[in-house]
Amino acid sequence: MYSIVISNSAEKDMEHLSSSVLKRVSKAIDKLPAQPRPPGCLKLKGASENLWRIRVGDYRIIYLIADEIQVIDVRRVRNRDDIYK
């Protein structure tokens, strides 16, 4: 079972979400320890780190998977229009 670490930038991103979106995002993050690579997730190309993303409606959750220490580090949670800039 993986443990989850949420970065300061992801916490700030989540503060700006509406309550309904925040519930959906939190639910998706809570499922990650059991299955860090759920169906529909994608490994980000061009990233020097082991970054992955999952979709939650119009929002994207960018996270790092450290398999050797079984940690998932949530880096960003933003709208799809803003996350890749």
PDB file of N, CA and C in Angstrom:
ATOM      1  N   MET A   1       0.838  -1.179   0.000  1.00  0.00           N
ATOM      2  CA  MET A   1       0.000   0.000   0.000  1.00  0.00           C
ATOM      3  C   MET A   1       0.887   1.248   0.000  1.00  0.00           C
ATOM      4  N   TYR A   2       0.596   2.154  -0.874  1.00  0.00           N
ATOM      5  CA  TYR A   2       1.354   3.390  -0.999  1.00  0.00           C
ATOM      6  C   TYR A   2       0.825   4.430  -0.004  1.00  0.00           C
ATOM      7  N   SER A   3       1.698   5.358   0.383  1.00  0.00           N
ATOM      8  CA  SER A   3       1.255   6.492   1.190  1.00  0.00           C
ATOM      9  C   SER A   3       1.206   7.723   0.288  1.00  0.00           C
ATOM     10  N   ILE A   4       0.410   8.698   0.681  1.00  0.00           N
ATOM     11  CA  ILE A   4       0.226   9.894  -0.138  1.00  0.00           C
ATOM     12  C   ILE A   4       0.830  11.100   0.557  1.00  0.00           C
ATOM     13  N   VAL A   5       1.552  11.906  -0.224  1.00  0.00           N
ATOM     14  CA  VAL A   5       2.083  13.190   0.225  1.00  0.00           C
ATOM     15  C   VAL A   5       1.513  14.234  -0.726  1.00  0.00           C
ATOM     16  N   ILE A   6       0.932  15.290  -0.178  1.00  0.00           N
ATOM     17  CA  ILE A   6       0.376  16.357  -1.006  1.00  0.00           C
ATOM     18  C   ILE A   6       1.269  17.581  -0.857  1.00  0.00           C
ATOM     19  N   SER A   7       1.829  18.047  -1.957  1.00  0.00           N
ATOM     20  CA  SER A   7       2.748  19.182  -1.924  1.00  0.00           C
ATOM     21  C   SER A   7       1.996  20.471  -1.590  1.00  0.00           C
ATOM     22  N   ASN A   8       2.752  21.482  -1.182  1.00  0.00           N
ATOM     23  CA  ASN A   8       2.154  22.778  -0.854  1.00  0.00           C
ATOM     24  C   ASN A   8       1.442  23.377  -2.060  1.00  0.00           C
ATOM     25  N   SER A   9       2.021  23.228  -3.234  1.00  0.00           N
ATOM     26  CA  SER A   9       1.391  23.797  -4.432  1.00  0.00           C
ATOM     27  C   SER A   9       0.061  23.105  -4.735  1.00  0.00           C
ATOM     28  N   ALA A  10      -0.019  21.804  -4.516  1.00  0.00           N
ATOM     29  CA  ALA A  10      -1.277  21.088  -4.731  1.00  0.00           C
ATOM     30  C   ALA A  10      -2.312  21.501  -3.692  1.00  0.00           C
ATOM     31  N   GLU A  11      -1.883  21.716  -2.455  1.00  0.00           N
ATOM     32  CA  GLU A  11      -2.815  22.184  -1.420  1.00  0.00           C
ATOM     33  C   GLU A  11      -3.388  23.547  -1.780  1.00  0.00           C
ATOM     34  N   LYS A  12      -2.538  24.443  -2.280  1.00  0.00           N
ATOM     35  CA  LYS A  12      -3.006  25.767  -2.695  1.00  0.00           C
ATOM     36  C   LYS A  12      -3.968  25.654  -3.873  1.00  0.00           C
ATOM     37  N   ASP A  13      -3.650  24.763  -4.816  1.00  0.00           N
ATOM     38  CA  ASP A  13      -4.555  24.546  -5.951  1.00  0.00           C
ATOM     39  C   ASP A  13      -5.916  24.069  -5.467  1.00  0.00           C
ATOM     40  N   MET A  14      -5.930  23.175  -4.492  1.00  0.00           N
ATOM     41  CA  MET A  14      -7.180  22.597  -4.001  1.00  0.00           C
ATOM     42  C   MET A  14      -8.003  23.606  -3.202  1.00  0.00           C
ATOM     43  N   GLU A  15      -7.360  24.604  -2.617  1.00  0.00           N
ATOM     44  CA  GLU A  15      -8.088  25.640  -1.879  1.00  0.00           C
ATOM     45  C   GLU A  15      -8.990  26.455  -2.802  1.00  0.00           C
ATOM     46  N   HIS A  16      -8.642  26.548  -4.077  1.00  0.00           N
ATOM     47  CA  HIS A  16      -9.389  27.361  -5.024  1.00  0.00           C
ATOM     48  C   HIS A  16     -10.497  26.591  -5.743  1.00  0.00           C
ATOM     49  N   LEU A  17     -10.652  25.307  -5.440  1.00  0.00           N
ATOM     50  CA  LEU A  17     -11.670  24.507  -6.105  1.00  0.00           C
ATOM     51  C   LEU A  17     -13.023  24.684  -5.425  1.00  0.00           C
ATOM     52  N   SER A  18     -14.084  24.531  -6.202  1.00  0.00           N
ATOM     53  CA  SER A  18     -15.420  24.545  -5.608  1.00  0.00           C
ATOM     54  C   SER A  18     -15.601  23.270  -4.788  1.00  0.00           C
ATOM     55  N   SER A  19     -16.581  23.279  -3.904  1.00  0.00           N
ATOM     56  CA  SER A  19     -16.756  22.130  -2.998  1.00  0.00           C
ATOM     57  C   SER A  19     -17.092  20.851  -3.762  1.00  0.00           C
ATOM     58  N   SER A  20     -17.883  20.948  -4.832  1.00  0.00           N
ATOM     59  CA  SER A  20     -18.241  19.739  -5.579  1.00  0.00           C
ATOM     60  C   SER A  20     -17.026  19.157  -6.306  1.00  0.00           C
ATOM     61  N   VAL A  21     -16.200  20.023  -6.882  1.00  0.00           N
ATOM     62  CA  VAL A  21     -14.997  19.552  -7.575  1.00  0.00           C
ATOM     63  C   VAL A  21     -13.996  19.015  -6.555  1.00  0.00           C
ATOM     64  N   LEU A  22     -13.875  19.680  -5.421  1.00  0.00           N
ATOM     65  CA  LEU A  22     -12.956  19.240  -4.379  1.00  0.00           C
ATOM     66  C   LEU A  22     -13.309  17.841  -3.882  1.00  0.00           C
ATOM     67  N   LYS A  23     -14.590  17.544  -3.743  1.00  0.00           N
ATOM     68  CA  LYS A  23     -15.021  16.202  -3.318  1.00  0.00           C
ATOM     69  C   LYS A  23     -14.590  15.146  -4.333  1.00  0.00           C
ATOM     70  N   ARG A  24     -14.774  15.443  -5.620  1.00  0.00           N
ATOM     71  CA  ARG A  24     -14.401  14.485  -6.664  1.00  0.00           C
ATOM     72  C   ARG A  24     -12.896  14.288  -6.732  1.00  0.00           C
ATOM     73  N   VAL A  25     -12.143  15.387  -6.597  1.00  0.00           N
ATOM     74  CA  VAL A  25     -10.684  15.304  -6.629  1.00  0.00           C
ATOM     75  C   VAL A  25     -10.174  14.533  -5.414  1.00  0.00           C
ATOM     76  N   SER A  26     -10.723  14.822  -4.249  1.00  0.00           N
ATOM     77  CA  SER A  26     -10.301  14.125  -3.028  1.00  0.00           C
ATOM     78  C   SER A  26     -10.589  12.634  -3.118  1.00  0.00           C
ATOM     79  N   LYS A  27     -11.726  12.292  -3.681  1.00  0.00           N
ATOM     80  CA  LYS A  27     -12.084  10.881  -3.851  1.00  0.00           C
ATOM     81  C   LYS A  27     -11.086  10.176  -4.775  1.00  0.00           C
ATOM     82  N   ALA A  28     -10.687  10.845  -5.858  1.00  0.00           N
ATOM     83  CA  ALA A  28      -9.714  10.261  -6.787  1.00  0.00           C
ATOM     84  C   ALA A  28      -8.351  10.098  -6.123  1.00  0.00           C
ATOM     85  N   ILE A  29      -7.936  11.086  -5.334  1.00  0.00           N
ATOM     86  CA  ILE A  29      -6.645  11.005  -4.632  1.00  0.00           C
ATOM     87  C   ILE A  29      -6.677   9.896  -3.590  1.00  0.00           C
ATOM     88  N   ASP A  30      -7.807   9.732  -2.899  1.00  0.00           N
ATOM     89  CA  ASP A  30      -7.923   8.694  -1.876  1.00  0.00           C
ATOM     90  C   ASP A  30      -7.830   7.284  -2.458  1.00  0.00           C
ATOM     91  N   LYS A  31      -8.160   7.124  -3.733  1.00  0.00           N
ATOM     92  CA  LYS A  31      -8.078   5.807  -4.385  1.00  0.00           C
ATOM     93  C   LYS A  31      -6.662   5.460  -4.846  1.00  0.00           C
ATOM     94  N   LEU A  32      -5.779   6.449  -4.936  1.00  0.00           N
ATOM     95  CA  LEU A  32      -4.437   6.215  -5.475  1.00  0.00           C
ATOM     96  C   LEU A  32      -3.584   5.236  -4.668  1.00  0.00           C
ATOM     97  N   PRO A  33      -3.632   5.200  -3.330  1.00  0.00           N
ATOM     98  CA  PRO A  33      -2.764   4.245  -2.617  1.00  0.00           C
ATOM     99  C   PRO A  33      -3.023   2.786  -2.990  1.00  0.00           C
ATOM    100  N   ALA A  34      -4.262   2.440  -3.255  1.00  0.00           N
ATOM    101  CA  ALA A  34      -4.579   1.061  -3.620  1.00  0.00           C
ATOM    102  C   ALA A  34      -4.189   0.753  -5.052  1.00  0.00           C
ATOM    103  N   GLN A  35      -4.304   1.750  -5.939  1.00  0.00           N
ATOM    104  CA  GLN A  35      -3.983   1.550  -7.354  1.00  0.00           C
ATOM    105  C   GLN A  35      -3.340   2.831  -7.891  1.00  0.00           C
ATOM    106  N   PRO A  36      -2.007   2.945  -7.806  1.00  0.00           N
ATOM    107  CA  PRO A  36      -1.336   4.172  -8.219  1.00  0.00           C
ATOM    108  C   PRO A  36      -1.413   4.462  -9.714  1.00  0.00           C
ATOM    109  N   ARG A  37      -1.681   3.463 -10.506  1.00  0.00           N
ATOM    110  CA  ARG A  37      -1.823   3.653 -11.953  1.00  0.00           C
ATOM    111  C   ARG A  37      -3.205   3.157 -12.387  1.00  0.00           C
ATOM    112  N   PRO A  38      -4.248   3.943 -12.063  1.00  0.00           N
ATOM    113  CA  PRO A  38      -5.608   3.500 -12.396  1.00  0.00           C
ATOM    114  C   PRO A  38      -5.853   3.530 -13.899  1.00  0.00           C
ATOM    115  N   PRO A  39      -6.898   2.866 -14.364  1.00  0.00           N
ATOM    116  CA  PRO A  39      -7.225   2.915 -15.790  1.00  0.00           C
ATOM    117  C   PRO A  39      -7.439   4.363 -16.228  1.00  0.00           C
ATOM    118  N   GLY A  40      -6.878   4.720 -17.361  1.00  0.00           N
ATOM    119  CA  GLY A  40      -7.015   6.066 -17.881  1.00  0.00           C
ATOM    120  C   GLY A  40      -5.897   7.012 -17.491  1.00  0.00           C
ATOM    121  N   CYS A  41      -4.998   6.578 -16.613  1.00  0.00           N
ATOM    122  CA  CYS A  41      -3.887   7.455 -16.234  1.00  0.00           C
ATOM    123  C   CYS A  41      -2.850   7.444 -17.359  1.00  0.00           C
ATOM    124  N   LEU A  42      -2.073   8.522 -17.429  1.00  0.00           N
ATOM    125  CA  LEU A  42      -1.038   8.617 -18.451  1.00  0.00           C
ATOM    126  C   LEU A  42       0.265   9.073 -17.830  1.00  0.00           C
ATOM    127  N   LYS A  43       1.349   8.498 -18.304  1.00  0.00           N
ATOM    128  CA  LYS A  43       2.677   8.960 -17.894  1.00  0.00           C
ATOM    129  C   LYS A  43       2.993  10.180 -18.734  1.00  0.00           C
ATOM    130  N   LEU A  44       3.448  11.241 -18.081  1.00  0.00           N
ATOM    131  CA  LEU A  44       3.749  12.465 -18.807  1.00  0.00           C
ATOM    132  C   LEU A  44       5.057  12.318 -19.568  1.00  0.00           C
ATOM    133  N   LYS A  45       5.018  12.668 -20.829  1.00  0.00           N
ATOM    134  CA  LYS A  45       6.205  12.592 -21.675  1.00  0.00           C
ATOM    135  C   LYS A  45       7.047  13.832 -21.473  1.00  0.00           C
ATOM    136  N   GLY A  46       8.349  13.686 -21.586  1.00  0.00           N
ATOM    137  CA  GLY A  46       9.247  14.815 -21.482  1.00  0.00           C
ATOM    138  C   GLY A  46       9.580  15.205 -20.055  1.00  0.00           C
ATOM    139  N   ALA A  47       8.952  14.585 -19.098  1.00  0.00           N
ATOM    140  CA  ALA A  47       9.239  14.899 -17.698  1.00  0.00           C
ATOM    141  C   ALA A  47      10.448  14.083 -17.251  1.00  0.00           C
ATOM    142  N   SER A  48      11.351  14.732 -16.548  1.00  0.00           N
ATOM    143  CA  SER A  48      12.534  14.020 -16.072  1.00  0.00           C
ATOM    144  C   SER A  48      12.197  13.114 -14.893  1.00  0.00           C
ATOM    145  N   GLU A  49      11.066  13.385 -14.256  1.00  0.00           N
ATOM    146  CA  GLU A  49      10.637  12.564 -13.125  1.00  0.00           C
ATOM    147  C   GLU A  49       9.581  11.573 -13.587  1.00  0.00           C
ATOM    148  N   ASN A  50       9.197  10.700 -12.710  1.00  0.00           N
ATOM    149  CA  ASN A  50       8.193   9.687 -12.993  1.00  0.00           C
ATOM    150  C   ASN A  50       6.802  10.269 -12.741  1.00  0.00           C
ATOM    151  N   LEU A  51       6.394  11.279 -13.550  1.00  0.00           N
ATOM    152  CA  LEU A  51       5.132  11.976 -13.345  1.00  0.00           C
ATOM    153  C   LEU A  51       4.004  11.316 -14.121  1.00  0.00           C
ATOM    154  N   TRP A  52       2.844  11.262 -13.481  1.00  0.00           N
ATOM    155  CA  TRP A  52       1.642  10.686 -14.059  1.00  0.00           C
ATOM    156  C   TRP A  52       0.516  11.688 -13.908  1.00  0.00           C
ATOM    157  N   ARG A  53      -0.567  11.491 -14.673  1.00  0.00           N
ATOM    158  CA  ARG A  53      -1.740  12.338 -14.518  1.00  0.00           C
ATOM    159  C   ARG A  53      -3.004  11.507 -14.620  1.00  0.00           C
ATOM    160  N   ILE A  54      -3.989  11.941 -13.841  1.00  0.00           N
ATOM    161  CA  ILE A  54      -5.325  11.368 -13.959  1.00  0.00           C
ATOM    162  C   ILE A  54      -6.301  12.519 -14.195  1.00  0.00           C
ATOM    163  N   ARG A  55      -7.396  12.194 -14.859  1.00  0.00           N
ATOM    164  CA  ARG A  55      -8.425  13.176 -15.165  1.00  0.00           C
ATOM    165  C   ARG A  55      -9.565  13.059 -14.170  1.00  0.00           C
ATOM    166  N   VAL A  56     -10.070  14.211 -13.748  1.00  0.00           N
ATOM    167  CA  VAL A  56     -11.283  14.280 -12.936  1.00  0.00           C
ATOM    168  C   VAL A  56     -12.120  15.391 -13.566  1.00  0.00           C
ATOM    169  N   GLY A  57     -12.951  15.022 -14.518  1.00  0.00           N
ATOM    170  CA  GLY A  57     -13.714  16.020 -15.265  1.00  0.00           C
ATOM    171  C   GLY A  57     -12.773  16.911 -16.052  1.00  0.00           C
ATOM    172  N   ASP A  58     -12.894  18.226 -15.855  1.00  0.00           N
ATOM    173  CA  ASP A  58     -12.016  19.180 -16.536  1.00  0.00           C
ATOM    174  C   ASP A  58     -10.735  19.438 -15.764  1.00  0.00           C
ATOM    175  N   TYR A  59     -10.522  18.727 -14.683  1.00  0.00           N
ATOM    176  CA  TYR A  59      -9.340  18.938 -13.847  1.00  0.00           C
ATOM    177  C   TYR A  59      -8.362  17.786 -14.004  1.00  0.00           C
ATOM    178  N   ARG A  60      -7.091  18.092 -13.776  1.00  0.00           N
ATOM    179  CA  ARG A  60      -6.028  17.100 -13.881  1.00  0.00           C
ATOM    180  C   ARG A  60      -5.269  17.063 -12.565  1.00  0.00           C
ATOM    181  N   ILE A  61      -4.922  15.860 -12.142  1.00  0.00           N
ATOM    182  CA  ILE A  61      -4.096  15.650 -10.954  1.00  0.00           C
ATOM    183  C   ILE A  61      -2.761  15.120 -11.442  1.00  0.00           C
ATOM    184  N   ILE A  62      -1.699  15.873 -11.199  1.00  0.00           N
ATOM    185  CA  ILE A  62      -0.344  15.479 -11.589  1.00  0.00           C
ATOM    186  C   ILE A  62       0.346  14.954 -10.336  1.00  0.00           C
ATOM    187  N   TYR A  63       0.912  13.753 -10.437  1.00  0.00           N
ATOM    188  CA  TYR A  63       1.548  13.166  -9.263  1.00  0.00           C
ATOM    189  C   TYR A  63       2.768  12.343  -9.655  1.00  0.00           C
ATOM    190  N   LEU A  64       3.650  12.178  -8.697  1.00  0.00           N
ATOM    191  CA  LEU A  64       4.879  11.401  -8.865  1.00  0.00           C
ATOM    192  C   LEU A  64       4.700  10.077  -8.132  1.00  0.00           C
ATOM    193  N   ILE A  65       5.149   9.003  -8.741  1.00  0.00           N
ATOM    194  CA  ILE A  65       5.100   7.690  -8.097  1.00  0.00           C
ATOM    195  C   ILE A  65       6.533   7.266  -7.799  1.00  0.00           C
ATOM    196  N   ALA A  66       6.825   7.054  -6.528  1.00  0.00           N
ATOM    197  CA  ALA A  66       8.131   6.537  -6.106  1.00  0.00           C
ATOM    198  C   ALA A  66       7.908   5.096  -5.660  1.00  0.00           C
ATOM    199  N   ASP A  67       8.071   4.165  -6.603  1.00  0.00           N
ATOM    200  CA  ASP A  67       7.789   2.755  -6.323  1.00  0.00           C
ATOM    201  C   ASP A  67       8.722   2.166  -5.272  1.00  0.00           C
ATOM    202  N   GLU A  68       9.983   2.596  -5.283  1.00  0.00           N
ATOM    203  CA  GLU A  68      10.949   1.989  -4.365  1.00  0.00           C
ATOM    204  C   GLU A  68      10.638   2.277  -2.892  1.00  0.00           C
ATOM    205  N   ILE A  69      10.010   3.431  -2.605  1.00  0.00           N
ATOM    206  CA  ILE A  69       9.639   3.737  -1.211  1.00  0.00           C
ATOM    207  C   ILE A  69       8.126   3.768  -1.020  1.00  0.00           C
ATOM    208  N   GLN A  70       7.374   3.427  -2.055  1.00  0.00           N
ATOM    209  CA  GLN A  70       5.917   3.353  -2.061  1.00  0.00           C
ATOM    210  C   GLN A  70       5.265   4.641  -1.566  1.00  0.00           C
ATOM    211  N   VAL A  71       5.597   5.729  -2.267  1.00  0.00           N
ATOM    212  CA  VAL A  71       5.031   7.042  -1.956  1.00  0.00           C
ATOM    213  C   VAL A  71       4.450   7.643  -3.232  1.00  0.00           C
ATOM    214  N   ILE A  72       3.291   8.266  -3.101  1.00  0.00           N
ATOM    215  CA  ILE A  72       2.682   9.025  -4.183  1.00  0.00           C
ATOM    216  C   ILE A  72       2.704  10.480  -3.748  1.00  0.00           C
ATOM    217  N   ASP A  73       3.356  11.328  -4.547  1.00  0.00           N
ATOM    218  CA  ASP A  73       3.497  12.747  -4.237  1.00  0.00           C
ATOM    219  C   ASP A  73       2.624  13.540  -5.201  1.00  0.00           C
ATOM    220  N   VAL A  74       1.507  14.059  -4.703  1.00  0.00           N
ATOM    221  CA  VAL A  74       0.601  14.854  -5.533  1.00  0.00           C
ATOM    222  C   VAL A  74       1.225  16.234  -5.696  1.00  0.00           C
ATOM    223  N   ARG A  75       1.485  16.621  -6.948  1.00  0.00           N
ATOM    224  CA  ARG A  75       2.197  17.866  -7.228  1.00  0.00           C
ATOM    225  C   ARG A  75       1.265  19.017  -7.583  1.00  0.00           C
ATOM    226  N   ARG A  76       0.289  18.788  -8.476  1.00  0.00           N
ATOM    227  CA  ARG A  76      -0.596  19.864  -8.938  1.00  0.00           C
ATOM    228  C   ARG A  76      -2.010  19.336  -9.123  1.00  0.00           C
ATOM    229  N   VAL A  77      -2.979  20.219  -8.921  1.00  0.00           N
ATOM    230  CA  VAL A  77      -4.388  19.932  -9.196  1.00  0.00           C
ATOM    231  C   VAL A  77      -4.944  21.199  -9.832  1.00  0.00           C
ATOM    232  N   ARG A  78      -5.159  21.152 -11.137  1.00  0.00           N
ATOM    233  CA  ARG A  78      -5.621  22.354 -11.833  1.00  0.00           C
ATOM    234  C   ARG A  78      -6.549  21.994 -12.987  1.00  0.00           C
ATOM    235  N   ASN A  79      -7.177  23.038 -13.515  1.00  0.00           N
ATOM    236  CA  ASN A  79      -8.001  22.894 -14.694  1.00  0.00           C
ATOM    237  C   ASN A  79      -7.125  22.494 -15.871  1.00  0.00           C
ATOM    238  N   ARG A  80      -7.677  21.753 -16.789  1.00  0.00           N
ATOM    239  CA  ARG A  80      -6.891  21.257 -17.925  1.00  0.00           C
ATOM    240  C   ARG A  80      -6.334  22.375 -18.785  1.00  0.00           C
ATOM    241  N   ASP A  81      -6.975  23.547 -18.770  1.00  0.00           N
ATOM    242  CA  ASP A  81      -6.477  24.677 -19.557  1.00  0.00           C
ATOM    243  C   ASP A  81      -5.206  25.276 -18.957  1.00  0.00           C
ATOM    244  N   ASP A  82      -5.011  25.133 -17.669  1.00  0.00           N
ATOM    245  CA  ASP A  82      -3.902  25.793 -16.978  1.00  0.00           C
ATOM    246  C   ASP A  82      -2.756  24.858 -16.573  1.00  0.00           C
ATOM    247  N   ILE A  83      -2.988  23.591 -16.459  1.00  0.00           N
ATOM    248  CA  ILE A  83      -2.029  22.690 -15.817  1.00  0.00           C
ATOM    249  C   ILE A  83      -0.752  22.498 -16.603  1.00  0.00           C
ATOM    250  N   TYR A  84      -0.801  22.513 -17.916  1.00  0.00           N
ATOM    251  CA  TYR A  84       0.384  22.180 -18.711  1.00  0.00           C
ATOM    252  C   TYR A  84       1.192  23.406 -19.120  1.00  0.00           C
ATOM    253  N   LYS A  85       0.780  24.591 -18.676  1.00  0.00           N
ATOM    254  CA  LYS A  85       1.506  25.816 -19.055  1.00  0.00           C
ATOM    255  C   LYS A  85       2.671  26.080 -18.154  1.00  0.00           C
TER     256      LYS A  85
END
